[in-house]
Amino acid sequence: MKENTNTISEKITHYLVNQLLKNKNIGTINESTPLITGGLMDSISTMQLIAFLEKEFNIEFEAHEVDKDNFDSILVIVQFVENKLK
């Protein structure tokens, strides 16, 4: 089943809000909220997100792809996942 942008975004947002960020008092986040540079995610939560993405979308990340440029906002993560799915 091919994932569309909205579905990918919804899955990622749901995981972030309900798993990784549930204990942080952040209010609301949107697709452009800075996750790493904004201090919402650290290296551990980034690795947890990567494990989720690999399992959920059946993709694999190379070590050089795991950096703040590819994981700093939901919008960037969605675009990155879409590229991996192509």
C-alpha atoms as a PDB file:
ATOM      1  CA  MET A   1       0.000   0.000   0.000  1.00  0.00           C
ATOM      2  CA  LYS A   2       1.422   3.342  -1.032  1.00  0.00           C
ATOM      3  CA  GLU A   3       1.389   5.918   1.737  1.00  0.00           C
ATOM      4  CA  ASN A   4       0.252   9.433   0.909  1.00  0.00           C
ATOM      5  CA  THR A   5       1.712  12.594   2.426  1.00  0.00           C
ATOM      6  CA  ASN A   6      -1.213  13.159   4.810  1.00  0.00           C
ATOM      7  CA  THR A   7      -1.096   9.600   6.121  1.00  0.00           C
ATOM      8  CA  ILE A   8       2.668   9.750   6.659  1.00  0.00           C
ATOM      9  CA  SER A   9       2.359  13.104   8.418  1.00  0.00           C
ATOM     10  CA  GLU A  10      -0.492  11.864  10.629  1.00  0.00           C
ATOM     11  CA  LYS A  11       1.414   8.735  11.671  1.00  0.00           C
ATOM     12  CA  ILE A  12       4.578  10.671  12.477  1.00  0.00           C
ATOM     13  CA  THR A  13       2.698  13.404  14.358  1.00  0.00           C
ATOM     14  CA  HIS A  14       0.727  10.846  16.344  1.00  0.00           C
ATOM     15  CA  TYR A  15       3.901   8.977  17.321  1.00  0.00           C
ATOM     16  CA  LEU A  16       5.721  12.142  18.326  1.00  0.00           C
ATOM     17  CA  VAL A  17       2.865  13.553  20.407  1.00  0.00           C
ATOM     18  CA  ASN A  18       1.763  10.290  22.031  1.00  0.00           C
ATOM     19  CA  GLN A  19       5.107   8.562  22.517  1.00  0.00           C
ATOM     20  CA  LEU A  20       8.159  10.802  22.372  1.00  0.00           C
ATOM     21  CA  LEU A  21       6.821  14.148  23.547  1.00  0.00           C
ATOM     22  CA  LYS A  22       3.978  13.080  25.849  1.00  0.00           C
ATOM     23  CA  ASN A  23       5.827  14.023  29.045  1.00  0.00           C
ATOM     24  CA  LYS A  24       6.998  17.411  27.788  1.00  0.00           C
ATOM     25  CA  ASN A  25       4.958  20.533  28.384  1.00  0.00           C
ATOM     26  CA  ILE A  26       5.078  21.762  24.791  1.00  0.00           C
ATOM     27  CA  GLY A  27       1.531  22.783  24.021  1.00  0.00           C
ATOM     28  CA  THR A  28       0.897  22.063  20.365  1.00  0.00           C
ATOM     29  CA  ILE A  29       3.264  21.269  17.556  1.00  0.00           C
ATOM     30  CA  ASN A  30       2.799  21.708  13.846  1.00  0.00           C
ATOM     31  CA  GLU A  31       4.628  20.416  10.810  1.00  0.00           C
ATOM     32  CA  SER A  32       7.293  23.127  10.993  1.00  0.00           C
ATOM     33  CA  THR A  33       7.968  23.067  14.761  1.00  0.00           C
ATOM     34  CA  PRO A  34      11.744  22.624  15.248  1.00  0.00           C
ATOM     35  CA  LEU A  35      12.122  19.283  17.012  1.00  0.00           C
ATOM     36  CA  ILE A  36      15.878  18.913  17.482  1.00  0.00           C
ATOM     37  CA  THR A  37      17.051  22.526  17.267  1.00  0.00           C
ATOM     38  CA  GLY A  38      14.052  23.498  19.424  1.00  0.00           C
ATOM     39  CA  GLY A  39      15.168  21.091  22.146  1.00  0.00           C
ATOM     40  CA  LEU A  40      12.095  18.844  21.944  1.00  0.00           C
ATOM     41  CA  MET A  41      14.095  15.801  20.828  1.00  0.00           C
ATOM     42  CA  ASP A  42      17.511  14.588  21.881  1.00  0.00           C
ATOM     43  CA  SER A  43      19.692  11.819  20.452  1.00  0.00           C
ATOM     44  CA  ILE A  44      17.769   9.070  22.266  1.00  0.00           C
ATOM     45  CA  SER A  45      14.349  10.243  21.093  1.00  0.00           C
ATOM     46  CA  THR A  46      15.747  10.693  17.573  1.00  0.00           C
ATOM     47  CA  MET A  47      16.895   7.066  17.558  1.00  0.00           C
ATOM     48  CA  GLN A  48      13.474   5.980  18.854  1.00  0.00           C
ATOM     49  CA  LEU A  49      11.833   7.935  16.040  1.00  0.00           C
ATOM     50  CA  ILE A  50      14.134   6.312  13.489  1.00  0.00           C
ATOM     51  CA  ALA A  51      13.259   2.833  14.807  1.00  0.00           C
ATOM     52  CA  PHE A  52       9.557   3.717  14.534  1.00  0.00           C
ATOM     53  CA  LEU A  53       9.942   5.043  10.976  1.00  0.00           C
ATOM     54  CA  GLU A  54      11.916   2.007   9.827  1.00  0.00           C
ATOM     55  CA  LYS A  55       9.313  -0.382  11.223  1.00  0.00           C
ATOM     56  CA  GLU A  56       6.201   1.600  10.287  1.00  0.00           C
ATOM     57  CA  PHE A  57       7.223   2.362   6.699  1.00  0.00           C
ATOM     58  CA  ASN A  58       9.542  -0.617   6.062  1.00  0.00           C
ATOM     59  CA  ILE A  59      12.529   1.580   5.212  1.00  0.00           C
ATOM     60  CA  GLU A  60      16.138   1.740   6.387  1.00  0.00           C
ATOM     61  CA  PHE A  61      18.313   4.711   7.173  1.00  0.00           C
ATOM     62  CA  GLU A  62      22.034   4.901   6.532  1.00  0.00           C
ATOM     63  CA  ALA A  63      24.193   6.270   9.351  1.00  0.00           C
ATOM     64  CA  HIS A  64      25.075   9.398   7.351  1.00  0.00           C
ATOM     65  CA  GLU A  65      21.361  10.197   6.893  1.00  0.00           C
ATOM     66  CA  VAL A  66      20.724  10.473  10.627  1.00  0.00           C
ATOM     67  CA  ASP A  67      21.293  14.140  11.360  1.00  0.00           C
ATOM     68  CA  LYS A  68      19.287  17.158  12.428  1.00  0.00           C
ATOM     69  CA  ASP A  69      18.829  18.295   8.825  1.00  0.00           C
ATOM     70  CA  ASN A  70      16.663  15.235   8.104  1.00  0.00           C
ATOM     71  CA  PHE A  71      14.767  15.077  11.410  1.00  0.00           C
ATOM     72  CA  ASP A  72      14.219  18.636  12.644  1.00  0.00           C
ATOM     73  CA  SER A  73      10.536  19.020  11.748  1.00  0.00           C
ATOM     74  CA  ILE A  74       7.595  16.866  10.805  1.00  0.00           C
ATOM     75  CA  LEU A  75       7.571  18.401   7.319  1.00  0.00           C
ATOM     76  CA  VAL A  76      11.227  17.491   6.745  1.00  0.00           C
ATOM     77  CA  ILE A  77      10.717  13.977   8.141  1.00  0.00           C
ATOM     78  CA  VAL A  78       7.690  13.394   5.888  1.00  0.00           C
ATOM     79  CA  GLN A  79       9.656  14.516   2.817  1.00  0.00           C
ATOM     80  CA  PHE A  80      12.569  12.311   3.837  1.00  0.00           C
ATOM     81  CA  VAL A  81      10.303   9.260   4.328  1.00  0.00           C
ATOM     82  CA  GLU A  82       8.584   9.908   0.993  1.00  0.00           C
ATOM     83  CA  ASN A  83      11.971   9.955  -0.743  1.00  0.00           C
ATOM     84  CA  LYS A  84      12.920   6.669   0.936  1.00  0.00           C
ATOM     85  CA  LEU A  85       9.648   5.095  -0.212  1.00  0.00           C
ATOM     86  CA  LYS A  86      10.274   5.956  -3.878  1.00  0.00           C
END
